[in-house]
N, C-alpha and C. Protein backbone atom coordinates (compact mmCIF):
# COMPACT_ATOMS: atom_id res chain seq x y z
N MET A 1 2.49 -0.04 51.22
CA MET A 1 1.93 -1.08 50.38
C MET A 1 3.07 -1.91 49.79
N THR A 2 2.99 -3.22 49.98
CA THR A 2 4.01 -4.10 49.44
C THR A 2 3.73 -4.37 47.96
N LEU A 3 4.70 -4.98 47.30
CA LEU A 3 4.52 -5.36 45.90
C LEU A 3 3.39 -6.37 45.76
N ALA A 4 3.31 -7.30 46.71
CA ALA A 4 2.22 -8.28 46.70
C ALA A 4 0.87 -7.60 46.83
N ASP A 5 0.77 -6.60 47.69
CA ASP A 5 -0.49 -5.85 47.84
C ASP A 5 -0.84 -5.11 46.56
N PHE A 6 0.16 -4.50 45.94
CA PHE A 6 -0.06 -3.77 44.70
C PHE A 6 -0.60 -4.70 43.62
N PHE A 7 0.05 -5.84 43.42
CA PHE A 7 -0.39 -6.77 42.37
C PHE A 7 -1.76 -7.35 42.69
N ALA A 8 -2.02 -7.62 43.96
CA ALA A 8 -3.34 -8.16 44.32
C ALA A 8 -4.43 -7.14 44.02
N ARG A 9 -4.15 -5.88 44.29
CA ARG A 9 -5.14 -4.84 44.10
C ARG A 9 -5.34 -4.48 42.62
N TRP A 10 -4.26 -4.49 41.85
CA TRP A 10 -4.30 -4.00 40.48
C TRP A 10 -4.27 -5.08 39.40
N ARG A 11 -4.25 -6.36 39.77
CA ARG A 11 -4.07 -7.41 38.76
C ARG A 11 -5.16 -7.42 37.70
N VAL A 12 -6.39 -7.16 38.06
CA VAL A 12 -7.47 -7.18 37.07
C VAL A 12 -7.36 -5.98 36.13
N ARG A 13 -7.12 -4.81 36.69
CA ARG A 13 -6.99 -3.61 35.85
C ARG A 13 -5.78 -3.72 34.93
N LEU A 14 -4.66 -4.22 35.45
CA LEU A 14 -3.48 -4.43 34.62
C LEU A 14 -3.77 -5.48 33.55
N GLY A 15 -4.59 -6.46 33.90
CA GLY A 15 -4.97 -7.50 32.94
C GLY A 15 -5.74 -6.95 31.75
N TYR A 16 -6.57 -5.96 31.98
CA TYR A 16 -7.31 -5.34 30.87
C TYR A 16 -6.34 -4.64 29.91
N ILE A 17 -5.38 -3.95 30.48
CA ILE A 17 -4.38 -3.27 29.64
C ILE A 17 -3.58 -4.31 28.88
N LEU A 18 -3.18 -5.36 29.57
CA LEU A 18 -2.42 -6.43 28.92
C LEU A 18 -3.24 -7.07 27.79
N ALA A 19 -4.53 -7.27 28.00
CA ALA A 19 -5.38 -7.89 26.97
C ALA A 19 -5.37 -7.05 25.69
N VAL A 20 -5.42 -5.75 25.81
CA VAL A 20 -5.38 -4.87 24.63
C VAL A 20 -4.04 -5.04 23.91
N VAL A 21 -2.95 -5.04 24.67
CA VAL A 21 -1.62 -5.22 24.08
C VAL A 21 -1.53 -6.59 23.38
N LEU A 22 -2.04 -7.62 24.04
CA LEU A 22 -1.98 -8.96 23.47
C LEU A 22 -2.79 -9.06 22.19
N LEU A 23 -3.94 -8.43 22.15
CA LEU A 23 -4.76 -8.45 20.93
C LEU A 23 -4.05 -7.72 19.79
N LEU A 24 -3.31 -6.66 20.11
CA LEU A 24 -2.56 -5.96 19.08
C LEU A 24 -1.41 -6.81 18.55
N LEU A 25 -0.85 -7.67 19.39
CA LEU A 25 0.26 -8.53 18.98
C LEU A 25 -0.20 -9.84 18.32
N ALA A 26 -1.47 -10.15 18.44
CA ALA A 26 -1.99 -11.45 18.01
C ALA A 26 -1.98 -11.64 16.50
N SER A 27 -1.70 -12.89 16.11
CA SER A 27 -1.80 -13.33 14.71
C SER A 27 -2.52 -14.66 14.67
N PRO A 28 -3.77 -14.68 15.13
CA PRO A 28 -4.47 -15.96 15.30
C PRO A 28 -4.85 -16.62 13.98
N THR A 29 -5.02 -17.92 14.06
CA THR A 29 -5.59 -18.69 12.96
C THR A 29 -6.78 -19.46 13.53
N PRO A 30 -7.66 -19.95 12.70
CA PRO A 30 -8.77 -20.74 13.25
C PRO A 30 -8.28 -21.93 14.08
N GLN A 31 -7.19 -22.56 13.64
CA GLN A 31 -6.67 -23.72 14.36
C GLN A 31 -6.13 -23.33 15.75
N THR A 32 -5.41 -22.21 15.83
CA THR A 32 -4.86 -21.81 17.13
C THR A 32 -5.97 -21.34 18.06
N ILE A 33 -6.99 -20.72 17.51
CA ILE A 33 -8.12 -20.28 18.34
C ILE A 33 -8.84 -21.49 18.93
N VAL A 34 -9.07 -22.51 18.11
CA VAL A 34 -9.76 -23.71 18.60
C VAL A 34 -8.90 -24.45 19.62
N LEU A 35 -7.62 -24.66 19.31
CA LEU A 35 -6.75 -25.37 20.25
C LEU A 35 -6.62 -24.59 21.56
N GLY A 36 -6.37 -23.30 21.47
CA GLY A 36 -6.28 -22.48 22.68
C GLY A 36 -7.59 -22.47 23.45
N GLY A 37 -8.70 -22.44 22.72
CA GLY A 37 -10.01 -22.47 23.36
C GLY A 37 -10.25 -23.77 24.12
N MET A 38 -9.79 -24.89 23.56
CA MET A 38 -9.96 -26.18 24.23
C MET A 38 -9.13 -26.25 25.51
N ILE A 39 -7.91 -25.75 25.45
CA ILE A 39 -7.07 -25.73 26.66
C ILE A 39 -7.66 -24.77 27.68
N GLY A 40 -8.13 -23.62 27.23
CA GLY A 40 -8.78 -22.67 28.13
C GLY A 40 -10.04 -23.24 28.75
N LEU A 41 -10.78 -24.06 27.99
CA LEU A 41 -11.98 -24.70 28.53
C LEU A 41 -11.64 -25.58 29.73
N LEU A 42 -10.53 -26.29 29.64
CA LEU A 42 -10.09 -27.09 30.78
C LEU A 42 -9.85 -26.18 31.99
N GLY A 43 -9.23 -25.04 31.76
CA GLY A 43 -9.01 -24.08 32.85
C GLY A 43 -10.31 -23.57 33.43
N LEU A 44 -11.29 -23.32 32.57
CA LEU A 44 -12.60 -22.85 33.05
C LEU A 44 -13.29 -23.91 33.89
N VAL A 45 -13.17 -25.17 33.50
CA VAL A 45 -13.77 -26.26 34.27
C VAL A 45 -13.11 -26.36 35.64
N ILE A 46 -11.79 -26.29 35.67
CA ILE A 46 -11.07 -26.34 36.95
C ILE A 46 -11.49 -25.17 37.83
N ARG A 47 -11.55 -23.98 37.26
CA ARG A 47 -11.94 -22.80 38.02
C ARG A 47 -13.38 -22.93 38.52
N ALA A 48 -14.29 -23.40 37.67
CA ALA A 48 -15.69 -23.54 38.07
C ALA A 48 -15.82 -24.52 39.23
N TYR A 49 -15.13 -25.64 39.13
CA TYR A 49 -15.17 -26.64 40.19
C TYR A 49 -14.65 -26.05 41.50
N ALA A 50 -13.54 -25.33 41.43
CA ALA A 50 -12.96 -24.71 42.63
C ALA A 50 -13.89 -23.65 43.21
N ALA A 51 -14.49 -22.83 42.36
CA ALA A 51 -15.37 -21.76 42.83
C ALA A 51 -16.60 -22.31 43.53
N GLY A 52 -17.03 -23.49 43.16
CA GLY A 52 -18.18 -24.11 43.80
C GLY A 52 -17.92 -24.59 45.21
N PHE A 53 -16.66 -24.65 45.60
CA PHE A 53 -16.28 -25.03 46.96
C PHE A 53 -15.86 -23.85 47.81
N LEU A 54 -15.41 -22.77 47.17
CA LEU A 54 -14.77 -21.67 47.87
C LEU A 54 -15.76 -20.80 48.64
N HIS A 55 -15.47 -20.61 49.91
CA HIS A 55 -16.24 -19.73 50.79
C HIS A 55 -15.31 -18.61 51.24
N LYS A 56 -15.11 -17.62 50.38
CA LYS A 56 -14.17 -16.53 50.67
C LYS A 56 -14.51 -15.85 51.98
N GLN A 57 -13.47 -15.59 52.75
CA GLN A 57 -13.57 -14.84 54.01
C GLN A 57 -14.48 -15.50 55.05
N GLU A 58 -15.01 -16.69 54.79
CA GLU A 58 -15.91 -17.34 55.74
C GLU A 58 -15.21 -18.48 56.47
N ILE A 59 -14.71 -19.44 55.70
CA ILE A 59 -14.03 -20.60 56.27
C ILE A 59 -12.78 -20.88 55.44
N LEU A 60 -11.89 -21.68 56.00
CA LEU A 60 -10.73 -22.14 55.25
C LEU A 60 -11.19 -23.32 54.41
N THR A 61 -11.28 -23.11 53.11
CA THR A 61 -11.76 -24.16 52.22
C THR A 61 -10.65 -25.17 51.99
N THR A 62 -10.91 -26.43 52.35
CA THR A 62 -9.92 -27.49 52.23
C THR A 62 -10.47 -28.72 51.52
N THR A 63 -11.66 -28.61 50.96
CA THR A 63 -12.31 -29.75 50.32
C THR A 63 -12.30 -29.60 48.80
N GLY A 64 -12.76 -30.65 48.13
CA GLY A 64 -12.79 -30.62 46.66
C GLY A 64 -11.39 -30.43 46.12
N PRO A 65 -11.22 -29.55 45.15
CA PRO A 65 -9.89 -29.35 44.57
C PRO A 65 -8.90 -28.73 45.56
N TYR A 66 -9.42 -28.10 46.61
CA TYR A 66 -8.55 -27.50 47.63
C TYR A 66 -7.86 -28.56 48.49
N ALA A 67 -8.23 -29.82 48.33
CA ALA A 67 -7.54 -30.90 49.02
C ALA A 67 -6.28 -31.31 48.25
N TYR A 68 -6.13 -30.82 47.01
CA TYR A 68 -5.00 -31.22 46.16
C TYR A 68 -4.05 -30.06 45.86
N THR A 69 -4.56 -28.86 45.87
CA THR A 69 -3.75 -27.65 45.70
C THR A 69 -4.42 -26.53 46.48
N ARG A 70 -3.60 -25.67 47.08
CA ARG A 70 -4.17 -24.56 47.84
C ARG A 70 -4.70 -23.47 46.93
N ASN A 71 -4.38 -23.54 45.65
CA ASN A 71 -4.79 -22.49 44.70
C ASN A 71 -5.38 -23.06 43.41
N PRO A 72 -6.47 -23.83 43.51
CA PRO A 72 -7.03 -24.40 42.28
C PRO A 72 -7.57 -23.35 41.30
N LEU A 73 -8.05 -22.22 41.81
CA LEU A 73 -8.51 -21.17 40.89
C LEU A 73 -7.35 -20.67 40.03
N TYR A 74 -6.21 -20.43 40.64
CA TYR A 74 -5.05 -19.95 39.89
C TYR A 74 -4.47 -21.06 39.02
N PHE A 75 -4.54 -22.29 39.49
CA PHE A 75 -4.10 -23.41 38.66
C PHE A 75 -4.96 -23.47 37.39
N GLY A 76 -6.28 -23.32 37.54
CA GLY A 76 -7.17 -23.25 36.38
C GLY A 76 -6.85 -22.06 35.50
N SER A 77 -6.54 -20.93 36.13
CA SER A 77 -6.17 -19.74 35.36
C SER A 77 -4.91 -19.95 34.54
N SER A 78 -4.01 -20.81 35.03
CA SER A 78 -2.80 -21.08 34.25
C SER A 78 -3.16 -21.75 32.93
N PHE A 79 -4.18 -22.60 32.92
CA PHE A 79 -4.64 -23.20 31.67
C PHE A 79 -5.29 -22.16 30.77
N LEU A 80 -5.99 -21.20 31.38
CA LEU A 80 -6.56 -20.09 30.59
C LEU A 80 -5.44 -19.29 29.94
N ALA A 81 -4.38 -19.02 30.69
CA ALA A 81 -3.26 -18.25 30.15
C ALA A 81 -2.56 -19.01 29.02
N ILE A 82 -2.33 -20.30 29.22
CA ILE A 82 -1.71 -21.11 28.17
C ILE A 82 -2.61 -21.17 26.95
N GLY A 83 -3.91 -21.37 27.17
CA GLY A 83 -4.86 -21.39 26.06
C GLY A 83 -4.89 -20.08 25.30
N ALA A 84 -4.88 -18.98 26.03
CA ALA A 84 -4.88 -17.66 25.38
C ALA A 84 -3.59 -17.46 24.60
N ALA A 85 -2.46 -17.88 25.16
CA ALA A 85 -1.17 -17.74 24.47
C ALA A 85 -1.17 -18.52 23.16
N ILE A 86 -1.70 -19.71 23.19
CA ILE A 86 -1.78 -20.53 21.97
C ILE A 86 -2.75 -19.90 20.97
N ALA A 87 -3.90 -19.47 21.45
CA ALA A 87 -4.91 -18.89 20.57
C ALA A 87 -4.41 -17.64 19.86
N MET A 88 -3.59 -16.85 20.56
CA MET A 88 -3.06 -15.61 19.96
C MET A 88 -2.12 -15.88 18.81
N HIS A 89 -1.38 -16.99 18.92
CA HIS A 89 -0.40 -17.35 17.89
C HIS A 89 0.65 -16.26 17.72
N SER A 90 1.19 -15.81 18.87
CA SER A 90 2.22 -14.78 18.89
C SER A 90 3.22 -15.13 19.98
N TRP A 91 4.47 -15.38 19.58
CA TRP A 91 5.49 -15.71 20.57
C TRP A 91 5.67 -14.58 21.57
N ILE A 92 5.74 -13.37 21.08
CA ILE A 92 5.95 -12.23 21.97
C ILE A 92 4.76 -12.08 22.93
N GLY A 93 3.57 -12.14 22.38
CA GLY A 93 2.38 -12.04 23.22
C GLY A 93 2.28 -13.18 24.21
N GLY A 94 2.59 -14.39 23.77
CA GLY A 94 2.53 -15.55 24.65
C GLY A 94 3.51 -15.44 25.81
N VAL A 95 4.74 -15.06 25.50
CA VAL A 95 5.74 -14.90 26.55
C VAL A 95 5.33 -13.78 27.51
N LEU A 96 4.86 -12.67 26.98
CA LEU A 96 4.40 -11.56 27.80
C LEU A 96 3.29 -12.00 28.74
N LEU A 97 2.31 -12.73 28.22
CA LEU A 97 1.20 -13.20 29.03
C LEU A 97 1.66 -14.17 30.11
N LEU A 98 2.49 -15.12 29.76
CA LEU A 98 2.92 -16.12 30.74
C LEU A 98 3.83 -15.52 31.82
N VAL A 99 4.68 -14.57 31.45
CA VAL A 99 5.51 -13.88 32.44
C VAL A 99 4.62 -13.06 33.37
N TYR A 100 3.65 -12.35 32.81
CA TYR A 100 2.70 -11.57 33.61
C TYR A 100 1.99 -12.49 34.60
N PHE A 101 1.48 -13.60 34.11
CA PHE A 101 0.75 -14.54 34.97
C PHE A 101 1.64 -15.04 36.10
N ALA A 102 2.84 -15.52 35.76
CA ALA A 102 3.74 -16.07 36.77
C ALA A 102 4.13 -15.01 37.80
N LEU A 103 4.44 -13.83 37.35
CA LEU A 103 4.86 -12.76 38.25
C LEU A 103 3.72 -12.31 39.17
N ILE A 104 2.62 -11.95 38.56
CA ILE A 104 1.48 -11.43 39.33
C ILE A 104 0.98 -12.45 40.33
N TYR A 105 0.72 -13.67 39.87
CA TYR A 105 0.10 -14.64 40.75
C TYR A 105 1.05 -15.23 41.78
N SER A 106 2.35 -15.17 41.55
CA SER A 106 3.30 -15.55 42.60
C SER A 106 3.14 -14.60 43.78
N PHE A 107 3.09 -13.32 43.50
CA PHE A 107 2.91 -12.33 44.57
C PHE A 107 1.53 -12.44 45.21
N VAL A 108 0.51 -12.64 44.40
CA VAL A 108 -0.85 -12.72 44.92
C VAL A 108 -1.01 -13.93 45.84
N MET A 109 -0.45 -15.07 45.45
CA MET A 109 -0.55 -16.26 46.29
C MET A 109 0.15 -16.05 47.63
N LEU A 110 1.30 -15.39 47.61
CA LEU A 110 2.01 -15.11 48.86
C LEU A 110 1.19 -14.19 49.77
N ARG A 111 0.58 -13.19 49.18
CA ARG A 111 -0.25 -12.26 49.97
C ARG A 111 -1.45 -13.00 50.57
N GLU A 112 -2.11 -13.81 49.77
CA GLU A 112 -3.27 -14.54 50.27
C GLU A 112 -2.89 -15.53 51.36
N GLU A 113 -1.72 -16.14 51.23
CA GLU A 113 -1.22 -17.05 52.27
C GLU A 113 -1.06 -16.29 53.59
N ARG A 114 -0.50 -15.11 53.51
CA ARG A 114 -0.29 -14.27 54.69
C ARG A 114 -1.64 -13.96 55.35
N GLU A 115 -2.64 -13.60 54.54
CA GLU A 115 -3.97 -13.28 55.07
C GLU A 115 -4.63 -14.50 55.69
N LEU A 116 -4.50 -15.65 55.05
CA LEU A 116 -5.12 -16.88 55.57
C LEU A 116 -4.49 -17.31 56.89
N ARG A 117 -3.19 -17.09 57.04
CA ARG A 117 -2.52 -17.42 58.31
C ARG A 117 -3.09 -16.56 59.44
N VAL A 118 -3.41 -15.32 59.14
CA VAL A 118 -3.99 -14.43 60.15
C VAL A 118 -5.44 -14.82 60.45
N GLN A 119 -6.21 -15.11 59.42
CA GLN A 119 -7.63 -15.45 59.58
C GLN A 119 -7.85 -16.83 60.20
N HIS A 120 -6.94 -17.75 59.94
CA HIS A 120 -7.11 -19.14 60.40
C HIS A 120 -5.83 -19.62 61.07
N PRO A 121 -5.45 -18.99 62.19
CA PRO A 121 -4.15 -19.30 62.80
C PRO A 121 -4.02 -20.74 63.32
N LEU A 122 -5.12 -21.37 63.66
CA LEU A 122 -5.05 -22.72 64.23
C LEU A 122 -5.05 -23.82 63.17
N THR A 123 -5.50 -23.51 61.96
CA THR A 123 -5.65 -24.57 60.96
C THR A 123 -4.83 -24.38 59.69
N PHE A 124 -4.45 -23.15 59.37
CA PHE A 124 -3.82 -22.94 58.07
C PHE A 124 -2.46 -23.62 57.93
N ASP A 125 -1.63 -23.55 58.95
CA ASP A 125 -0.29 -24.13 58.84
C ASP A 125 -0.34 -25.64 58.59
N ALA A 126 -1.24 -26.34 59.26
CA ALA A 126 -1.38 -27.78 59.03
C ALA A 126 -1.86 -28.05 57.60
N TYR A 127 -2.80 -27.25 57.15
CA TYR A 127 -3.29 -27.38 55.78
C TYR A 127 -2.16 -27.12 54.79
N ALA A 128 -1.42 -26.04 54.99
CA ALA A 128 -0.33 -25.69 54.08
C ALA A 128 0.76 -26.75 54.08
N ALA A 129 0.97 -27.41 55.20
CA ALA A 129 2.00 -28.45 55.28
C ALA A 129 1.60 -29.71 54.52
N SER A 130 0.30 -29.92 54.33
CA SER A 130 -0.15 -31.16 53.69
C SER A 130 -0.63 -30.97 52.25
N VAL A 131 -0.83 -29.73 51.81
CA VAL A 131 -1.35 -29.48 50.46
C VAL A 131 -0.42 -28.51 49.74
N PRO A 132 0.02 -28.87 48.52
CA PRO A 132 0.95 -27.99 47.79
C PRO A 132 0.33 -26.64 47.41
N LEU A 133 1.21 -25.66 47.26
CA LEU A 133 0.78 -24.29 46.95
C LEU A 133 0.08 -24.18 45.60
N PHE A 134 0.65 -24.77 44.55
CA PHE A 134 0.12 -24.53 43.20
C PHE A 134 -0.13 -25.82 42.41
N PHE A 135 0.92 -26.60 42.19
CA PHE A 135 0.75 -27.81 41.39
C PHE A 135 0.08 -28.89 42.23
N PRO A 136 -1.05 -29.41 41.76
CA PRO A 136 -1.80 -30.38 42.57
C PRO A 136 -1.02 -31.66 42.82
N ARG A 137 -1.22 -32.20 43.98
CA ARG A 137 -0.70 -33.52 44.32
C ARG A 137 -1.80 -34.50 43.94
N PRO A 138 -1.49 -35.49 43.08
CA PRO A 138 -2.54 -36.41 42.61
C PRO A 138 -3.27 -37.14 43.73
N SER A 139 -2.57 -37.52 44.76
CA SER A 139 -3.21 -38.20 45.88
C SER A 139 -2.79 -37.48 47.15
N ASN A 140 -3.73 -37.28 48.03
CA ASN A 140 -3.41 -36.53 49.24
C ASN A 140 -3.87 -37.31 50.47
N ARG A 141 -3.37 -38.53 50.62
CA ARG A 141 -3.76 -39.38 51.75
C ARG A 141 -3.23 -38.89 53.09
N ASN A 142 -2.14 -38.11 53.05
CA ASN A 142 -1.52 -37.64 54.30
C ASN A 142 -2.16 -36.38 54.84
N SER A 143 -3.19 -35.90 54.19
CA SER A 143 -3.80 -34.64 54.59
C SER A 143 -4.49 -34.76 55.94
N THR A 144 -4.37 -33.69 56.74
CA THR A 144 -5.01 -33.67 58.06
C THR A 144 -6.17 -32.69 58.11
N HIS A 145 -6.54 -32.11 56.97
CA HIS A 145 -7.59 -31.09 56.98
C HIS A 145 -8.99 -31.72 56.94
N SER A 146 -9.97 -30.90 57.17
CA SER A 146 -11.37 -31.33 57.22
C SER A 146 -11.85 -31.87 55.89
N SER A 147 -12.74 -32.85 55.93
CA SER A 147 -13.29 -33.39 54.70
C SER A 147 -14.71 -32.90 54.44
N ARG A 148 -15.20 -31.95 55.24
CA ARG A 148 -16.55 -31.43 55.05
C ARG A 148 -16.60 -30.51 53.84
N GLY A 149 -17.76 -30.45 53.21
CA GLY A 149 -17.98 -29.53 52.10
C GLY A 149 -18.24 -30.25 50.80
N SER A 150 -18.99 -29.61 49.93
CA SER A 150 -19.27 -30.17 48.62
C SER A 150 -19.50 -29.02 47.64
N PHE A 151 -19.49 -29.37 46.36
CA PHE A 151 -19.69 -28.37 45.31
C PHE A 151 -21.07 -27.74 45.44
N SER A 152 -21.14 -26.43 45.20
CA SER A 152 -22.40 -25.70 45.28
C SER A 152 -22.48 -24.69 44.13
N TRP A 153 -23.56 -24.79 43.34
CA TRP A 153 -23.77 -23.79 42.29
C TRP A 153 -24.00 -22.41 42.89
N THR A 154 -24.56 -22.36 44.09
CA THR A 154 -24.75 -21.08 44.77
C THR A 154 -23.41 -20.42 45.04
N GLN A 155 -22.43 -21.21 45.50
CA GLN A 155 -21.09 -20.66 45.73
C GLN A 155 -20.45 -20.24 44.43
N TYR A 156 -20.63 -21.04 43.38
CA TYR A 156 -20.10 -20.70 42.06
C TYR A 156 -20.59 -19.31 41.65
N LYS A 157 -21.90 -19.10 41.78
CA LYS A 157 -22.48 -17.80 41.42
C LYS A 157 -22.03 -16.69 42.36
N LYS A 158 -21.98 -16.99 43.65
CA LYS A 158 -21.57 -16.00 44.64
C LYS A 158 -20.13 -15.53 44.38
N ASN A 159 -19.29 -16.43 43.88
CA ASN A 159 -17.90 -16.10 43.57
C ASN A 159 -17.74 -15.48 42.18
N HIS A 160 -18.84 -15.26 41.48
CA HIS A 160 -18.85 -14.60 40.16
C HIS A 160 -17.93 -15.29 39.14
N GLU A 161 -17.87 -16.60 39.24
CA GLU A 161 -16.96 -17.34 38.35
C GLU A 161 -17.40 -17.26 36.89
N TYR A 162 -18.66 -17.02 36.63
CA TYR A 162 -19.14 -16.87 35.27
C TYR A 162 -18.44 -15.72 34.54
N GLU A 163 -17.89 -14.77 35.30
CA GLU A 163 -17.17 -13.67 34.67
C GLU A 163 -15.92 -14.16 33.94
N ALA A 164 -15.26 -15.19 34.47
CA ALA A 164 -14.10 -15.77 33.79
C ALA A 164 -14.51 -16.40 32.47
N VAL A 165 -15.67 -17.05 32.47
CA VAL A 165 -16.19 -17.66 31.23
C VAL A 165 -16.43 -16.57 30.18
N PHE A 166 -17.14 -15.53 30.57
CA PHE A 166 -17.42 -14.45 29.62
C PHE A 166 -16.15 -13.77 29.14
N GLY A 167 -15.22 -13.53 30.05
CA GLY A 167 -13.97 -12.88 29.68
C GLY A 167 -13.16 -13.70 28.68
N PHE A 168 -13.05 -14.99 28.92
CA PHE A 168 -12.27 -15.84 28.01
C PHE A 168 -12.98 -15.95 26.66
N LEU A 169 -14.29 -16.12 26.67
CA LEU A 169 -15.03 -16.18 25.40
C LEU A 169 -14.91 -14.87 24.62
N LEU A 170 -14.98 -13.76 25.30
CA LEU A 170 -14.81 -12.45 24.65
C LEU A 170 -13.43 -12.35 24.01
N PHE A 171 -12.41 -12.83 24.71
CA PHE A 171 -11.05 -12.81 24.17
C PHE A 171 -10.97 -13.67 22.90
N LEU A 172 -11.58 -14.86 22.92
CA LEU A 172 -11.57 -15.73 21.74
C LEU A 172 -12.33 -15.10 20.57
N VAL A 173 -13.45 -14.47 20.87
CA VAL A 173 -14.22 -13.78 19.82
C VAL A 173 -13.40 -12.65 19.22
N ALA A 174 -12.73 -11.89 20.07
CA ALA A 174 -11.87 -10.80 19.57
C ALA A 174 -10.77 -11.36 18.67
N LEU A 175 -10.20 -12.49 19.03
CA LEU A 175 -9.18 -13.12 18.18
C LEU A 175 -9.77 -13.56 16.85
N ALA A 176 -10.98 -14.10 16.88
CA ALA A 176 -11.65 -14.51 15.64
C ALA A 176 -11.91 -13.30 14.74
N VAL A 177 -12.30 -12.20 15.34
CA VAL A 177 -12.53 -10.97 14.57
C VAL A 177 -11.21 -10.49 13.97
N ILE A 178 -10.14 -10.52 14.75
CA ILE A 178 -8.83 -10.10 14.23
C ILE A 178 -8.42 -10.99 13.05
N TRP A 179 -8.60 -12.30 13.19
CA TRP A 179 -8.27 -13.20 12.09
C TRP A 179 -9.09 -12.87 10.85
N ARG A 180 -10.39 -12.67 11.06
CA ARG A 180 -11.29 -12.38 9.93
C ARG A 180 -10.91 -11.08 9.22
N VAL A 181 -10.63 -10.05 9.99
CA VAL A 181 -10.25 -8.75 9.41
C VAL A 181 -8.95 -8.86 8.65
N ARG A 182 -8.01 -9.59 9.17
CA ARG A 182 -6.70 -9.70 8.53
C ARG A 182 -6.71 -10.61 7.29
N THR A 183 -7.73 -11.45 7.18
CA THR A 183 -7.77 -12.35 6.03
C THR A 183 -8.71 -11.89 4.92
N THR A 184 -9.38 -10.77 5.14
CA THR A 184 -10.29 -10.28 4.08
C THR A 184 -9.72 -9.06 3.40
């Protein structure tokens, strides 16, 4: 098992442990919770939009946000991580979260790229050559990938994207409870 395989397999479970540590380190205020929540909301919107296009293990998704970045779900997650870091109002917790995110998802993206090359040997390399790995390209006129596909609420639900919404809201509620307990 490679390091990329390990992180891909254990990232969610490790994330739960990290969330507990982050909550213990948190010193939230109502202002940081709201600001972090607003930034996280942007991440949730990006993730929701991407999930509505994604057909895992079925086709190489190259439409919608996948025409601008090969990893729009993780790009959206980066806004969730930044939002959570701000909401926590803890330098140590914020740095820990952002390092975790960068480390884990760098390995996960590499592993997924390897799998996609195997699953889609005739199309993935051309797609990867025209679409950036993480940071979206604002305009992608040079792309050679398919333009078929549209957003689908069915795909959104099939990809269980609502779990990210519940998870982030639960984290914000926990921060609000921590603030309330510490101020009474």
